[in-house]
C-alpha atoms as a PDB file:
ATOM      1  CA  MET A   1      61.757  97.706 102.984  1.00  0.00           C
ATOM      2  CA  VAL A   2      59.641  97.248 106.139  1.00  0.00           C
ATOM      3  CA  LYS A   3      62.512  95.460 107.869  1.00  0.00           C
ATOM      4  CA  LEU A   4      64.873  98.267 106.891  1.00  0.00           C
ATOM      5  CA  LYS A   5      62.518 100.898 108.335  1.00  0.00           C
ATOM      6  CA  ARG A   6      62.233  98.924 111.557  1.00  0.00           C
ATOM      7  CA  ALA A   7      65.995  98.630 111.810  1.00  0.00           C
ATOM      8  CA  VAL A   8      66.413 102.368 111.242  1.00  0.00           C
ATOM      9  CA  LEU A   9      63.752 103.172 113.836  1.00  0.00           C
ATOM     10  CA  PHE A  10      65.369 100.784 116.308  1.00  0.00           C
ATOM     11  CA  LEU A  11      68.801 102.339 115.824  1.00  0.00           C
ATOM     12  CA  LEU A  12      67.390 105.851 116.051  1.00  0.00           C
ATOM     13  CA  SER A  13      65.497 104.987 119.223  1.00  0.00           C
ATOM     14  CA  ALA A  14      68.578 103.400 120.760  1.00  0.00           C
ATOM     15  CA  TYR A  15      70.649 106.465 119.808  1.00  0.00           C
ATOM     16  CA  LEU A  16      68.160 108.819 121.444  1.00  0.00           C
ATOM     17  CA  ILE A  17      67.823 106.677 124.566  1.00  0.00           C
ATOM     18  CA  ILE A  18      71.583 106.398 125.036  1.00  0.00           C
ATOM     19  CA  SER A  19      71.991 110.150 124.475  1.00  0.00           C
ATOM     20  CA  ALA A  20      69.257 110.917 126.998  1.00  0.00           C
ATOM     21  CA  MET A  21      70.799 108.553 129.558  1.00  0.00           C
ATOM     22  CA  LEU A  22      74.203 110.175 129.177  1.00  0.00           C
ATOM     23  CA  TYR A  23      72.664 113.615 129.609  1.00  0.00           C
ATOM     24  CA  LEU A  24      70.765 112.610 132.732  1.00  0.00           C
ATOM     25  CA  LEU A  25      73.571 110.569 134.249  1.00  0.00           C
ATOM     26  CA  GLN A  26      76.557 112.701 133.273  1.00  0.00           C
ATOM     27  CA  GLU A  27      77.173 113.957 136.817  1.00  0.00           C
ATOM     28  CA  LYS A  28      77.309 110.378 138.088  1.00  0.00           C
ATOM     29  CA  LEU A  29      79.880 109.597 135.390  1.00  0.00           C
ATOM     30  CA  ILE A  30      82.037 112.674 135.979  1.00  0.00           C
ATOM     31  CA  PHE A  31      81.833 113.058 139.745  1.00  0.00           C
ATOM     32  CA  LEU A  32      82.436 110.146 142.106  1.00  0.00           C
ATOM     33  CA  PRO A  33      82.113 111.660 145.570  1.00  0.00           C
ATOM     34  CA  SER A  34      81.988 109.847 148.858  1.00  0.00           C
ATOM     35  CA  LYS A  35      80.088 111.439 151.748  1.00  0.00           C
ATOM     36  CA  LEU A  36      81.205 112.008 155.325  1.00  0.00           C
ATOM     37  CA  PRO A  37      79.019 112.718 158.359  1.00  0.00           C
ATOM     38  CA  VAL A  38      79.281 116.278 159.643  1.00  0.00           C
ATOM     39  CA  ASP A  39      80.768 115.041 162.915  1.00  0.00           C
ATOM     40  CA  TYR A  40      83.451 112.950 161.199  1.00  0.00           C
ATOM     41  CA  SER A  41      86.882 113.553 162.777  1.00  0.00           C
ATOM     42  CA  TYR A  42      89.865 113.684 160.422  1.00  0.00           C
ATOM     43  CA  SER A  43      93.084 112.062 161.552  1.00  0.00           C
ATOM     44  CA  PHE A  44      96.372 112.930 159.851  1.00  0.00           C
ATOM     45  CA  THR A  45     100.020 112.591 160.814  1.00  0.00           C
ATOM     46  CA  GLN A  46     100.684 116.341 160.461  1.00  0.00           C
ATOM     47  CA  PRO A  47      99.092 119.318 162.249  1.00  0.00           C
ATOM     48  CA  PHE A  48      95.999 120.703 160.534  1.00  0.00           C
ATOM     49  CA  GLU A  49      92.993 122.927 160.972  1.00  0.00           C
ATOM     50  CA  GLU A  50      89.563 122.059 159.609  1.00  0.00           C
ATOM     51  CA  ILE A  51      87.828 124.946 157.846  1.00  0.00           C
ATOM     52  CA  PHE A  52      84.334 125.668 156.554  1.00  0.00           C
ATOM     53  CA  ILE A  53      83.505 128.338 153.983  1.00  0.00           C
ATOM     54  CA  THR A  54      79.944 129.410 153.195  1.00  0.00           C
ATOM     55  CA  THR A  55      79.224 130.473 149.609  1.00  0.00           C
ATOM     56  CA  THR A  56      76.849 133.157 148.349  1.00  0.00           C
ATOM     57  CA  ASP A  57      74.247 130.470 147.550  1.00  0.00           C
ATOM     58  CA  ASP A  58      74.548 129.053 151.088  1.00  0.00           C
ATOM     59  CA  ALA A  59      76.575 125.970 150.210  1.00  0.00           C
ATOM     60  CA  VAL A  60      79.064 125.004 152.921  1.00  0.00           C
ATOM     61  CA  LEU A  61      82.501 123.912 151.723  1.00  0.00           C
ATOM     62  CA  ASN A  62      84.771 121.835 153.899  1.00  0.00           C
ATOM     63  CA  GLY A  63      88.540 122.052 153.758  1.00  0.00           C
ATOM     64  CA  ILE A  64      91.753 121.097 155.523  1.00  0.00           C
ATOM     65  CA  HIS A  65      94.616 123.506 156.214  1.00  0.00           C
ATOM     66  CA  PHE A  66      97.919 121.815 157.026  1.00  0.00           C
ATOM     67  CA  LYS A  67     100.276 124.175 158.829  1.00  0.00           C
ATOM     68  CA  GLN A  68     104.024 124.167 159.425  1.00  0.00           C
ATOM     69  CA  GLU A  69     106.007 126.402 161.768  1.00  0.00           C
ATOM     70  CA  GLN A  70     108.218 127.828 159.009  1.00  0.00           C
ATOM     71  CA  PRO A  71     106.784 126.700 155.659  1.00  0.00           C
ATOM     72  CA  GLU A  72     108.528 127.116 152.325  1.00  0.00           C
ATOM     73  CA  GLY A  73     105.217 128.345 150.934  1.00  0.00           C
ATOM     74  CA  VAL A  74     101.631 127.165 150.577  1.00  0.00           C
ATOM     75  CA  ILE A  75     100.008 124.835 148.067  1.00  0.00           C
ATOM     76  CA  VAL A  76      96.307 125.230 147.291  1.00  0.00           C
ATOM     77  CA  TYR A  77      95.408 121.739 146.104  1.00  0.00           C
ATOM     78  CA  TYR A  78      92.402 120.905 143.882  1.00  0.00           C
ATOM     79  CA  HIS A  79      91.857 117.160 143.942  1.00  0.00           C
ATOM     80  CA  GLY A  80      90.495 114.577 141.497  1.00  0.00           C
ATOM     81  CA  ASN A  81      86.930 113.431 140.902  1.00  0.00           C
ATOM     82  CA  ALA A  82      86.669 110.566 143.415  1.00  0.00           C
ATOM     83  CA  GLY A  83      86.640 110.246 147.189  1.00  0.00           C
ATOM     84  CA  ASP A  84      86.756 112.919 149.883  1.00  0.00           C
ATOM     85  CA  LEU A  85      89.229 114.708 152.164  1.00  0.00           C
ATOM     86  CA  SER A  86      89.804 111.679 154.365  1.00  0.00           C
ATOM     87  CA  ARG A  87      91.639 110.230 151.356  1.00  0.00           C
ATOM     88  CA  TRP A  88      92.948 113.373 149.673  1.00  0.00           C
ATOM     89  CA  GLY A  89      94.329 114.769 152.907  1.00  0.00           C
ATOM     90  CA  ASP A  90      96.674 111.796 153.123  1.00  0.00           C
ATOM     91  CA  ILE A  91      97.709 112.338 149.502  1.00  0.00           C
ATOM     92  CA  ALA A  92      98.449 116.014 150.213  1.00  0.00           C
ATOM     93  CA  LEU A  93     100.840 115.004 153.008  1.00  0.00           C
ATOM     94  CA  PHE A  94     103.408 114.374 150.267  1.00  0.00           C
ATOM     95  CA  PHE A  95     103.813 118.163 150.064  1.00  0.00           C
ATOM     96  CA  VAL A  96     103.457 118.767 153.786  1.00  0.00           C
ATOM     97  CA  ASP A  97     106.428 116.457 154.261  1.00  0.00           C
ATOM     98  CA  LYS A  98     108.364 118.797 151.950  1.00  0.00           C
ATOM     99  CA  ASN A  99     107.715 121.598 154.444  1.00  0.00           C
ATOM    100  CA  PHE A 100     104.822 123.271 152.628  1.00  0.00           C
ATOM    101  CA  ASP A 101     101.547 124.349 154.107  1.00  0.00           C
ATOM    102  CA  VAL A 102      98.653 122.833 152.147  1.00  0.00           C
ATOM    103  CA  ILE A 103      95.056 124.001 151.755  1.00  0.00           C
ATOM    104  CA  ILE A 104      92.767 121.410 150.209  1.00  0.00           C
ATOM    105  CA  MET A 105      89.004 121.583 149.695  1.00  0.00           C
ATOM    106  CA  ASP A 106      86.204 119.119 149.083  1.00  0.00           C
ATOM    107  CA  TYR A 107      83.932 120.064 146.180  1.00  0.00           C
ATOM    108  CA  ARG A 108      80.175 120.343 146.568  1.00  0.00           C
ATOM    109  CA  THR A 109      78.562 116.948 147.355  1.00  0.00           C
ATOM    110  CA  TYR A 110      81.975 115.563 148.440  1.00  0.00           C
ATOM    111  CA  GLY A 111      82.704 114.663 152.047  1.00  0.00           C
ATOM    112  CA  LYS A 112      81.091 117.241 154.336  1.00  0.00           C
ATOM    113  CA  SER A 113      80.604 119.850 151.600  1.00  0.00           C
ATOM    114  CA  THR A 114      77.082 120.770 150.542  1.00  0.00           C
ATOM    115  CA  GLY A 115      75.495 122.609 147.619  1.00  0.00           C
ATOM    116  CA  LYS A 116      74.447 122.029 144.049  1.00  0.00           C
ATOM    117  CA  LEU A 117      77.086 121.214 141.447  1.00  0.00           C
ATOM    118  CA  SER A 118      77.673 123.253 138.311  1.00  0.00           C
ATOM    119  CA  GLU A 119      80.772 124.150 136.330  1.00  0.00           C
ATOM    120  CA  GLU A 120      80.653 127.786 137.380  1.00  0.00           C
ATOM    121  CA  ALA A 121      80.119 126.785 141.023  1.00  0.00           C
ATOM    122  CA  LEU A 122      83.292 124.680 140.890  1.00  0.00           C
ATOM    123  CA  TYR A 123      85.263 127.661 139.596  1.00  0.00           C
ATOM    124  CA  ASN A 124      83.737 130.061 142.124  1.00  0.00           C
ATOM    125  CA  ASP A 125      84.376 127.664 144.999  1.00  0.00           C
ATOM    126  CA  GLY A 126      87.969 127.230 143.861  1.00  0.00           C
ATOM    127  CA  GLN A 127      88.361 131.011 143.940  1.00  0.00           C
ATOM    128  CA  LEU A 128      86.931 131.165 147.463  1.00  0.00           C
ATOM    129  CA  PHE A 129      89.654 128.861 148.732  1.00  0.00           C
ATOM    130  CA  TYR A 130      92.256 130.921 146.906  1.00  0.00           C
ATOM    131  CA  GLU A 131      90.930 134.004 148.681  1.00  0.00           C
ATOM    132  CA  TYR A 132      91.141 132.108 151.958  1.00  0.00           C
ATOM    133  CA  ALA A 133      94.823 131.488 151.180  1.00  0.00           C
ATOM    134  CA  LEU A 134      95.319 135.199 150.472  1.00  0.00           C
ATOM    135  CA  GLU A 135      94.074 135.978 153.964  1.00  0.00           C
ATOM    136  CA  HIS A 136      96.997 134.011 155.411  1.00  0.00           C
ATOM    137  CA  TYR A 137      99.809 134.247 152.836  1.00  0.00           C
ATOM    138  CA  ASP A 138     101.347 136.640 150.379  1.00  0.00           C
ATOM    139  CA  GLU A 139     100.345 135.760 146.823  1.00  0.00           C
ATOM    140  CA  SER A 140     104.018 135.404 145.876  1.00  0.00           C
ATOM    141  CA  VAL A 141     104.286 132.165 147.878  1.00  0.00           C
ATOM    142  CA  ILE A 142     101.066 130.503 146.658  1.00  0.00           C
ATOM    143  CA  THR A 143     101.354 127.448 144.409  1.00  0.00           C
ATOM    144  CA  LEU A 144      98.205 126.148 142.749  1.00  0.00           C
ATOM    145  CA  TYR A 145      98.147 122.372 142.263  1.00  0.00           C
ATOM    146  CA  GLY A 146      95.493 120.591 140.231  1.00  0.00           C
ATOM    147  CA  ARG A 147      95.088 116.866 139.800  1.00  0.00           C
ATOM    148  CA  SER A 148      92.871 115.374 137.065  1.00  0.00           C
ATOM    149  CA  LEU A 149      89.459 117.073 137.442  1.00  0.00           C
ATOM    150  CA  GLY A 150      91.148 119.640 139.661  1.00  0.00           C
ATOM    151  CA  THR A 151      93.472 120.764 136.854  1.00  0.00           C
ATOM    152  CA  GLY A 152      90.565 122.536 135.177  1.00  0.00           C
ATOM    153  CA  ILE A 153      89.654 124.348 138.387  1.00  0.00           C
ATOM    154  CA  ALA A 154      93.256 125.216 139.264  1.00  0.00           C
ATOM    155  CA  THR A 155      93.863 126.616 135.778  1.00  0.00           C
ATOM    156  CA  ARG A 156      90.758 128.799 135.896  1.00  0.00           C
ATOM    157  CA  VAL A 157      91.762 130.168 139.311  1.00  0.00           C
ATOM    158  CA  ALA A 158      95.334 130.776 138.113  1.00  0.00           C
ATOM    159  CA  SER A 159      94.020 132.677 135.083  1.00  0.00           C
ATOM    160  CA  GLU A 160      92.196 135.150 137.336  1.00  0.00           C
ATOM    161  CA  ASN A 161      94.957 135.653 139.900  1.00  0.00           C
ATOM    162  CA  LYS A 162      98.740 135.899 140.102  1.00  0.00           C
ATOM    163  CA  PRO A 163     100.006 132.877 142.035  1.00  0.00           C
ATOM    164  CA  PHE A 164     103.664 131.994 142.169  1.00  0.00           C
ATOM    165  CA  GLN A 165     103.235 128.906 140.014  1.00  0.00           C
ATOM    166  CA  LEU A 166     100.744 126.336 138.693  1.00  0.00           C
ATOM    167  CA  ILE A 167     101.335 122.575 138.743  1.00  0.00           C
ATOM    168  CA  LEU A 168      99.050 120.252 136.749  1.00  0.00           C
ATOM    169  CA  GLU A 169      99.020 116.487 137.253  1.00  0.00           C
ATOM    170  CA  THR A 170      97.267 114.502 134.480  1.00  0.00           C
ATOM    171  CA  PRO A 171      95.611 117.584 132.937  1.00  0.00           C
ATOM    172  CA  PHE A 172      93.130 117.563 130.050  1.00  0.00           C
ATOM    173  CA  TYR A 173      92.733 119.916 127.092  1.00  0.00           C
ATOM    174  CA  SER A 174      89.002 119.980 127.840  1.00  0.00           C
ATOM    175  CA  LEU A 175      86.448 117.639 129.313  1.00  0.00           C
ATOM    176  CA  LEU A 176      84.445 118.155 126.140  1.00  0.00           C
ATOM    177  CA  GLU A 177      87.319 116.741 124.096  1.00  0.00           C
ATOM    178  CA  LEU A 178      87.519 113.705 126.381  1.00  0.00           C
ATOM    179  CA  GLY A 179      83.772 113.149 126.127  1.00  0.00           C
ATOM    180  CA  LYS A 180      83.804 113.312 122.338  1.00  0.00           C
ATOM    181  CA  SER A 181      86.660 110.819 122.174  1.00  0.00           C
ATOM    182  CA  ARG A 182      84.816 108.409 124.504  1.00  0.00           C
ATOM    183  CA  PHE A 183      81.477 108.754 122.706  1.00  0.00           C
ATOM    184  CA  PRO A 184      82.393 109.732 119.140  1.00  0.00           C
ATOM    185  CA  TYR A 185      78.970 108.922 117.678  1.00  0.00           C
ATOM    186  CA  LEU A 186      76.938 110.899 120.229  1.00  0.00           C
ATOM    187  CA  PRO A 187      76.255 114.681 120.289  1.00  0.00           C
ATOM    188  CA  VAL A 188      78.360 115.227 123.419  1.00  0.00           C
ATOM    189  CA  GLN A 189      78.885 118.908 122.622  1.00  0.00           C
ATOM    190  CA  ARG A 190      75.120 119.457 122.772  1.00  0.00           C
ATOM    191  CA  PHE A 191      74.383 117.986 126.187  1.00  0.00           C
ATOM    192  CA  LEU A 192      77.596 118.154 128.227  1.00  0.00           C
ATOM    193  CA  LYS A 193      77.058 120.544 131.148  1.00  0.00           C
ATOM    194  CA  TYR A 194      80.698 120.429 132.219  1.00  0.00           C
ATOM    195  CA  PRO A 195      82.878 121.108 129.150  1.00  0.00           C
ATOM    196  CA  LEU A 196      85.739 122.414 131.372  1.00  0.00           C
ATOM    197  CA  LYS A 197      87.634 124.032 128.512  1.00  0.00           C
ATOM    198  CA  THR A 198      90.987 124.279 130.242  1.00  0.00           C
ATOM    199  CA  TYR A 199      92.678 125.448 127.048  1.00  0.00           C
ATOM    200  CA  GLU A 200      90.632 128.668 127.111  1.00  0.00           C
ATOM    201  CA  TYR A 201      91.863 129.641 130.575  1.00  0.00           C
ATOM    202  CA  ILE A 202      95.454 128.477 130.399  1.00  0.00           C
ATOM    203  CA  SER A 203      96.275 131.126 127.812  1.00  0.00           C
ATOM    204  CA  GLU A 204      95.530 133.749 130.491  1.00  0.00           C
ATOM    205  CA  VAL A 205      97.850 132.214 133.116  1.00  0.00           C
ATOM    206  CA  SER A 206     100.849 134.469 133.728  1.00  0.00           C
ATOM    207  CA  CYS A 207     102.869 132.304 136.139  1.00  0.00           C
ATOM    208  CA  PRO A 208     105.132 129.330 135.235  1.00  0.00           C
ATOM    209  CA  ILE A 209     103.262 126.050 134.663  1.00  0.00           C
ATOM    210  CA  ALA A 210     104.565 122.513 135.201  1.00  0.00           C
ATOM    211  CA  PHE A 211     102.777 119.543 133.613  1.00  0.00           C
ATOM    212  CA  PHE A 212     103.041 115.900 134.707  1.00  0.00           C
ATOM    213  CA  HIS A 213     101.483 113.130 132.635  1.00  0.00           C
ATOM    214  CA  GLY A 214     101.908 109.384 132.255  1.00  0.00           C
ATOM    215  CA  THR A 215     102.129 107.743 128.857  1.00  0.00           C
ATOM    216  CA  ASP A 216      99.822 104.873 129.921  1.00  0.00           C
ATOM    217  CA  ASP A 217      97.043 107.035 131.336  1.00  0.00           C
ATOM    218  CA  THR A 218      93.731 105.515 130.197  1.00  0.00           C
ATOM    219  CA  VAL A 219      91.542 108.056 132.036  1.00  0.00           C
ATOM    220  CA  VAL A 220      93.036 111.261 130.619  1.00  0.00           C
ATOM    221  CA  PRO A 221      95.158 110.308 127.596  1.00  0.00           C
ATOM    222  CA  TYR A 222      98.732 111.546 127.517  1.00  0.00           C
ATOM    223  CA  ASN A 223      98.087 113.403 124.259  1.00  0.00           C
ATOM    224  CA  SER A 224      95.372 115.497 125.909  1.00  0.00           C
ATOM    225  CA  GLY A 225      97.839 116.853 128.448  1.00  0.00           C
ATOM    226  CA  LEU A 226     100.523 117.317 125.788  1.00  0.00           C
ATOM    227  CA  ARG A 227      98.097 119.219 123.582  1.00  0.00           C
ATOM    228  CA  LEU A 228      97.322 121.546 126.482  1.00  0.00           C
ATOM    229  CA  PHE A 229     101.041 122.121 127.053  1.00  0.00           C
ATOM    230  CA  ASN A 230     101.580 122.878 123.367  1.00  0.00           C
ATOM    231  CA  SER A 231      98.813 125.475 123.443  1.00  0.00           C
ATOM    232  CA  VAL A 232     100.883 127.804 125.651  1.00  0.00           C
ATOM    233  CA  ASP A 233     104.346 129.363 125.621  1.00  0.00           C
ATOM    234  CA  VAL A 234     106.497 126.274 126.069  1.00  0.00           C
ATOM    235  CA  ASP A 235     109.640 128.316 126.746  1.00  0.00           C
ATOM    236  CA  LYS A 236     108.600 129.358 130.255  1.00  0.00           C
ATOM    237  CA  ASN A 237     106.800 126.127 131.158  1.00  0.00           C
ATOM    238  CA  SER A 238     107.841 122.501 131.643  1.00  0.00           C
ATOM    239  CA  PHE A 239     106.354 119.122 130.731  1.00  0.00           C
ATOM    240  CA  TYR A 240     107.385 115.939 132.543  1.00  0.00           C
ATOM    241  CA  THR A 241     106.635 112.730 130.681  1.00  0.00           C
ATOM    242  CA  ILE A 242     106.244 109.736 132.998  1.00  0.00           C
ATOM    243  CA  LYS A 243     106.931 106.695 130.832  1.00  0.00           C
ATOM    244  CA  GLY A 244     104.645 103.859 131.877  1.00  0.00           C
ATOM    245  CA  GLY A 245     102.788 106.149 134.270  1.00  0.00           C
ATOM    246  CA  LYS A 246      99.042 105.684 134.629  1.00  0.00           C
ATOM    247  CA  HIS A 247      96.406 108.033 136.006  1.00  0.00           C
ATOM    248  CA  ASN A 248      96.812 107.449 139.735  1.00  0.00           C
ATOM    249  CA  ASN A 249     100.370 106.260 140.236  1.00  0.00           C
ATOM    250  CA  LEU A 250     102.701 109.039 139.066  1.00  0.00           C
ATOM    251  CA  ARG A 251     104.109 109.513 142.546  1.00  0.00           C
ATOM    252  CA  GLU A 252     105.597 106.030 142.336  1.00  0.00           C
ATOM    253  CA  PHE A 253     107.950 107.177 139.554  1.00  0.00           C
ATOM    254  CA  GLN A 254     111.290 108.821 140.208  1.00  0.00           C
ATOM    255  CA  VAL A 255     110.723 111.178 137.267  1.00  0.00           C
ATOM    256  CA  TYR A 256     107.729 112.672 139.071  1.00  0.00           C
ATOM    257  CA  ARG A 257     109.503 112.976 142.422  1.00  0.00           C
ATOM    258  CA  ASP A 258     112.605 114.482 140.820  1.00  0.00           C
ATOM    259  CA  GLY A 259     110.452 116.838 138.767  1.00  0.00           C
ATOM    260  CA  ILE A 260     108.621 118.140 141.820  1.00  0.00           C
ATOM    261  CA  GLN A 261     111.899 118.611 143.652  1.00  0.00           C
ATOM    262  CA  GLU A 262     113.395 120.370 140.628  1.00  0.00           C
ATOM    263  CA  ILE A 263     110.458 122.771 140.349  1.00  0.00           C
ATOM    264  CA  PHE A 264     110.620 123.723 144.018  1.00  0.00           C
ATOM    265  CA  SER A 265     114.416 124.024 144.000  1.00  0.00           C
ATOM    266  CA  ILE A 266     114.518 126.241 140.905  1.00  0.00           C
ATOM    267  CA  ASN A 267     111.746 128.473 142.153  1.00  0.00           C
ATOM    268  CA  GLN A 268     113.257 128.830 145.620  1.00  0.00           C
ATOM    269  CA  SER A 269     116.518 129.827 143.934  1.00  0.00           C
ATOM    270  CA  ASN A 270     114.698 132.382 141.787  1.00  0.00           C
ATOM    271  CA  LYS A 271     113.017 133.813 144.881  1.00  0.00           C
ATOM    272  CA  SER A 272     116.395 134.280 146.553  1.00  0.00           C
ATOM    273  CA  GLU A 273     117.785 136.079 143.490  1.00  0.00           C
ATOM    274  CA  ASP A 274     114.801 138.419 143.408  1.00  0.00           C
ATOM    275  CA  LYS A 275     115.385 139.558 146.994  1.00  0.00           C
END
């Protein structure tokens, strides 16, 4: 009986310690930023302007604005959870090369951006960059693009505005759902400060939505993205399954490239018909 009590106490102690560690370290698990010195000079193959936006709580957010002479439209891009703009700017060039202007921000603590992280701050900062886009473009030509972590932010911003379209690459139903699946025996719902319940906001999105997800994604499982897609009106939206696609390599697949081209071609055709 004494040995049993000791075993129970040991397991309970281990459970509490692991739970406490996850609570305290959750931001280090979710967010993987890299920092840049304030005087860092970006170098890209396309023309750009560096921008800084100050928030109401005095955080300073850094962004890049790629500009074309006669763009097809503008993409406001919300990136994934790792790195900084020196990396994500190069990734965004995929769309610049398709003759789109691109506005891309670094989240708080990423790159040159400052401020304290919180879920609401991420949403508010995402809205600030959308408002920056509205200062330069008509809302009818704004595409919101979210990748991984950024899909939650892009969806929230889309739910509160009327962009032309929303594109989600490797989206999740909610970060809470992902956490519970990773740690099924821990009370994730009690201590997670970033539940990012994308499914709650996507129901309020009025524009067309395109989803891209790989079947071999081990970071955000394919079924999480599919569940999100199935939670909305599937008739006006599209889901592109990338067979064999993982979390960071969808652009290598022809299905992704064709899907992006199809979305832009269809929407440009619709724009012409509306004129």
